[in-house]
Amino acid sequence: MPNHKSAEKRDRQRDKRRLRNRLVVGRMRTAVKKARTALEQNAPERDKLLKSAVSLIDKAVTKGALKRNTASRYISRLVKRAGQPNA
């Protein structure tokens, strides 16, 4: 329990950011998983799912939920997987 008003405010801010980051990262992970599955199964909508996953990864960076290098690594692995047949 915070003892100062400023500490109470920091608690509120931390909770807001945590919830926002969880939503953003959760949405991103779902998109990455769908794209990865589509790539493995060579589904017809794989390019569309890959593009949306990359977009959501970039949005997570913009919102501060992910670091740039982490996002770059995710994107690199996805695109690499997309380029390899039967990978």
Protein backbone atom coordinates (compact mmCIF):
# COMPACT_ATOMS: atom_id res chain seq x y z
CA MET A 1 0.00 0.00 0.00
CA PRO A 2 1.54 3.32 -1.04
CA ASN A 3 2.11 5.96 1.59
CA HIS A 4 2.25 8.99 -0.73
CA LYS A 5 -0.10 10.43 -3.32
CA SER A 6 2.63 10.27 -5.94
CA ALA A 7 3.16 6.57 -5.20
CA GLU A 8 -0.59 5.95 -5.63
CA LYS A 9 -0.46 7.69 -9.00
CA ARG A 10 2.56 5.63 -10.06
CA ASP A 11 0.61 2.48 -9.12
CA ARG A 12 -2.32 3.56 -11.30
CA GLN A 13 -0.01 4.39 -14.19
CA ARG A 14 1.83 1.08 -13.87
CA ASP A 15 -1.44 -0.86 -13.92
CA LYS A 16 -2.68 0.99 -17.01
CA ARG A 17 0.56 0.36 -18.88
CA ARG A 18 0.70 -3.28 -17.85
CA LEU A 19 -2.85 -3.92 -19.10
CA ARG A 20 -2.21 -2.09 -22.36
CA ASN A 21 1.06 -3.96 -22.93
CA ARG A 22 -0.60 -7.30 -22.21
CA LEU A 23 -3.29 -6.59 -24.80
CA VAL A 24 -0.80 -5.46 -27.41
CA VAL A 25 1.63 -8.33 -26.84
CA GLY A 26 -1.16 -10.90 -26.64
CA ARG A 27 -2.62 -9.75 -29.95
CA MET A 28 0.84 -9.84 -31.48
CA ARG A 29 1.59 -13.35 -30.23
CA THR A 30 -1.70 -14.64 -31.62
CA ALA A 31 -0.92 -13.14 -35.03
CA VAL A 32 2.59 -14.62 -35.01
CA LYS A 33 1.23 -18.05 -34.09
CA LYS A 34 -1.39 -17.89 -36.88
CA ALA A 35 1.25 -16.81 -39.39
CA ARG A 36 3.63 -19.56 -38.29
CA THR A 37 0.88 -22.19 -38.61
CA ALA A 38 -0.11 -20.91 -42.05
CA LEU A 39 3.52 -21.00 -43.18
CA GLU A 40 3.95 -24.58 -41.97
CA GLN A 41 0.77 -25.73 -43.70
CA ASN A 42 1.52 -23.67 -46.81
CA ALA A 43 -1.96 -22.13 -46.53
CA PRO A 44 -3.21 -19.81 -49.28
CA GLU A 45 -3.62 -16.84 -46.88
CA ARG A 46 -0.05 -17.16 -45.54
CA ASP A 47 1.18 -13.90 -47.11
CA LYS A 48 -1.70 -11.93 -45.66
CA LEU A 49 -1.18 -13.44 -42.19
CA LEU A 50 2.57 -12.80 -42.38
CA LYS A 51 1.99 -9.17 -43.30
CA SER A 52 -0.49 -8.64 -40.46
CA ALA A 53 1.87 -10.31 -37.95
CA VAL A 54 4.74 -8.04 -39.01
CA SER A 55 2.45 -5.04 -38.72
CA LEU A 56 1.36 -5.99 -35.19
CA ILE A 57 4.97 -6.57 -34.14
CA ASP A 58 5.86 -3.08 -35.36
CA LYS A 59 2.86 -1.61 -33.54
CA ALA A 60 4.00 -3.26 -30.31
CA VAL A 61 7.33 -1.46 -30.68
CA THR A 62 5.60 1.84 -31.37
CA LYS A 63 3.50 1.47 -28.22
CA GLY A 64 6.55 0.58 -26.14
CA ALA A 65 5.47 -2.99 -25.36
CA LEU A 66 8.45 -4.52 -27.17
CA LYS A 67 12.04 -3.46 -27.74
CA ARG A 68 13.11 -2.77 -31.31
CA ASN A 69 15.72 -5.54 -31.44
CA THR A 70 13.29 -8.12 -30.07
CA ALA A 71 10.75 -7.17 -32.72
CA SER A 72 13.41 -7.28 -35.39
CA ARG A 73 14.35 -10.80 -34.30
CA TYR A 74 10.70 -11.95 -34.42
CA ILE A 75 10.21 -10.48 -37.88
CA SER A 76 13.48 -11.93 -39.15
CA ARG A 77 12.57 -15.43 -38.00
CA LEU A 78 9.10 -15.21 -39.53
CA VAL A 79 10.32 -13.96 -42.89
CA LYS A 80 13.13 -16.50 -42.94
CA ARG A 81 10.59 -19.25 -42.32
CA ALA A 82 8.39 -17.86 -45.11
CA GLY A 83 11.26 -17.98 -47.58
CA GLN A 84 12.22 -21.58 -46.94
CA PRO A 85 10.12 -24.33 -48.48
CA ASN A 86 9.15 -27.04 -45.97
CA ALA A 87 10.89 -25.27 -43.11
